[in-house]
Amino acid sequence: MRPGDRVLLYTDGVTEARTADGQLVGLERFADYVIRASAGGELAPETLRRLIHSLLDSQDSGLRDDATILLSEWQPVR
């Protein structure tokens, strides 16, 4: 890994969550969100916070499955 590289781990409950209109979040939508946030220069903690809120805000009756996300960013100690 190089400084600034990120590792994203998630369970299937994230991509199998449903949007407010009943569609699956899906891998493509999930990946698009993470890529756009990273390309926009968002810090890893902010990207993760927004992503979690986006998933939870789209759920009418709560998640139907576990939804775990871990985003790690490597930064060297100076």
C-alpha atoms as a PDB file:
ATOM      1  CA  MET A   1       0.000   0.000   0.000  1.00  0.00           C
ATOM      2  CA  ARG A   2       1.003   3.575  -0.552  1.00  0.00           C
ATOM      3  CA  PRO A   3       0.143   6.630   1.526  1.00  0.00           C
ATOM      4  CA  GLY A   4      -3.489   7.569   0.967  1.00  0.00           C
ATOM      5  CA  ASP A   5      -4.552   4.106  -0.241  1.00  0.00           C
ATOM      6  CA  ARG A   6      -7.829   2.862   1.194  1.00  0.00           C
ATOM      7  CA  VAL A   7      -9.244  -0.577   1.895  1.00  0.00           C
ATOM      8  CA  LEU A   8     -13.020  -0.984   2.007  1.00  0.00           C
ATOM      9  CA  LEU A   9     -14.642  -4.040   3.583  1.00  0.00           C
ATOM     10  CA  TYR A  10     -18.399  -4.531   3.696  1.00  0.00           C
ATOM     11  CA  THR A  11     -21.010  -7.218   4.217  1.00  0.00           C
ATOM     12  CA  ASP A  12     -23.676  -8.154   1.709  1.00  0.00           C
ATOM     13  CA  GLY A  13     -26.270  -6.316   3.794  1.00  0.00           C
ATOM     14  CA  VAL A  14     -24.871  -3.053   2.402  1.00  0.00           C
ATOM     15  CA  THR A  15     -25.365  -3.898  -1.269  1.00  0.00           C
ATOM     16  CA  GLU A  16     -28.635  -5.726  -0.562  1.00  0.00           C
ATOM     17  CA  ALA A  17     -30.167  -2.761   1.283  1.00  0.00           C
ATOM     18  CA  ARG A  18     -33.127  -1.167  -0.462  1.00  0.00           C
ATOM     19  CA  THR A  19     -33.556   2.452  -1.471  1.00  0.00           C
ATOM     20  CA  ALA A  20     -36.696   4.392  -0.500  1.00  0.00           C
ATOM     21  CA  ASP A  21     -38.353   3.306  -3.766  1.00  0.00           C
ATOM     22  CA  GLY A  22     -37.584  -0.379  -3.136  1.00  0.00           C
ATOM     23  CA  GLN A  23     -34.585  -0.851  -5.440  1.00  0.00           C
ATOM     24  CA  LEU A  24     -31.489  -2.692  -4.281  1.00  0.00           C
ATOM     25  CA  VAL A  25     -28.556  -0.431  -3.518  1.00  0.00           C
ATOM     26  CA  GLY A  26     -26.413  -2.890  -5.445  1.00  0.00           C
ATOM     27  CA  LEU A  27     -22.683  -3.055  -5.941  1.00  0.00           C
ATOM     28  CA  GLU A  28     -22.620  -0.543  -8.799  1.00  0.00           C
ATOM     29  CA  ARG A  29     -24.441   2.191  -6.871  1.00  0.00           C
ATOM     30  CA  PHE A  30     -22.391   1.489  -3.747  1.00  0.00           C
ATOM     31  CA  ALA A  31     -19.076   1.586  -5.637  1.00  0.00           C
ATOM     32  CA  ASP A  32     -20.111   4.738  -7.508  1.00  0.00           C
ATOM     33  CA  TYR A  33     -20.823   6.519  -4.239  1.00  0.00           C
ATOM     34  CA  VAL A  34     -17.456   5.559  -2.736  1.00  0.00           C
ATOM     35  CA  ILE A  35     -15.524   6.441  -5.907  1.00  0.00           C
ATOM     36  CA  ARG A  36     -17.181   9.853  -6.250  1.00  0.00           C
ATOM     37  CA  ALA A  37     -16.569  10.674  -2.583  1.00  0.00           C
ATOM     38  CA  SER A  38     -12.907   9.684  -2.833  1.00  0.00           C
ATOM     39  CA  ALA A  39     -12.380  11.550  -6.100  1.00  0.00           C
ATOM     40  CA  GLY A  40     -13.901  14.641  -4.495  1.00  0.00           C
ATOM     41  CA  GLY A  41     -11.187  14.600  -1.845  1.00  0.00           C
ATOM     42  CA  GLU A  42     -13.416  13.585   1.058  1.00  0.00           C
ATOM     43  CA  LEU A  43     -11.531  12.219   4.036  1.00  0.00           C
ATOM     44  CA  ALA A  44     -12.114   8.535   4.812  1.00  0.00           C
ATOM     45  CA  PRO A  45     -14.088   9.166   8.045  1.00  0.00           C
ATOM     46  CA  GLU A  46     -16.395  11.638   6.293  1.00  0.00           C
ATOM     47  CA  THR A  47     -16.934   9.296   3.352  1.00  0.00           C
ATOM     48  CA  LEU A  48     -17.887   6.517   5.752  1.00  0.00           C
ATOM     49  CA  ARG A  49     -20.164   8.755   7.841  1.00  0.00           C
ATOM     50  CA  ARG A  50     -22.062  10.008   4.786  1.00  0.00           C
ATOM     51  CA  LEU A  51     -22.349   6.534   3.313  1.00  0.00           C
ATOM     52  CA  ILE A  52     -23.805   5.090   6.518  1.00  0.00           C
ATOM     53  CA  HIS A  53     -26.283   7.966   6.849  1.00  0.00           C
ATOM     54  CA  SER A  54     -27.293   7.569   3.214  1.00  0.00           C
ATOM     55  CA  LEU A  55     -28.015   3.867   3.731  1.00  0.00           C
ATOM     56  CA  LEU A  56     -29.946   4.398   6.959  1.00  0.00           C
ATOM     57  CA  ASP A  57     -31.926   7.374   5.618  1.00  0.00           C
ATOM     58  CA  SER A  58     -33.167   5.319   2.669  1.00  0.00           C
ATOM     59  CA  GLN A  59     -34.608   2.563   4.888  1.00  0.00           C
ATOM     60  CA  ASP A  60     -38.295   2.825   5.774  1.00  0.00           C
ATOM     61  CA  SER A  61     -38.408   0.038   8.330  1.00  0.00           C
ATOM     62  CA  GLY A  62     -34.758  -0.508   9.166  1.00  0.00           C
ATOM     63  CA  LEU A  63     -32.194  -2.782   7.619  1.00  0.00           C
ATOM     64  CA  ARG A  64     -33.251  -6.336   6.809  1.00  0.00           C
ATOM     65  CA  ASP A  65     -29.741  -7.741   7.140  1.00  0.00           C
ATOM     66  CA  ASP A  66     -26.523  -6.796   8.889  1.00  0.00           C
ATOM     67  CA  ALA A  67     -24.764  -3.937   7.140  1.00  0.00           C
ATOM     68  CA  THR A  68     -21.172  -3.574   8.217  1.00  0.00           C
ATOM     69  CA  ILE A  69     -18.684  -1.226   6.570  1.00  0.00           C
ATOM     70  CA  LEU A  70     -15.032  -0.742   7.423  1.00  0.00           C
ATOM     71  CA  LEU A  71     -12.982   1.863   5.573  1.00  0.00           C
ATOM     72  CA  SER A  72      -9.300   2.066   6.387  1.00  0.00           C
ATOM     73  CA  GLU A  73      -6.855   4.617   4.994  1.00  0.00           C
ATOM     74  CA  TRP A  74      -3.104   4.226   5.330  1.00  0.00           C
ATOM     75  CA  GLN A  75      -1.193   7.349   6.290  1.00  0.00           C
ATOM     76  CA  PRO A  76       2.460   7.252   7.352  1.00  0.00           C
ATOM     77  CA  VAL A  77       3.430   8.650  10.727  1.00  0.00           C
ATOM     78  CA  ARG A  78       5.396  11.853  10.369  1.00  0.00           C
END
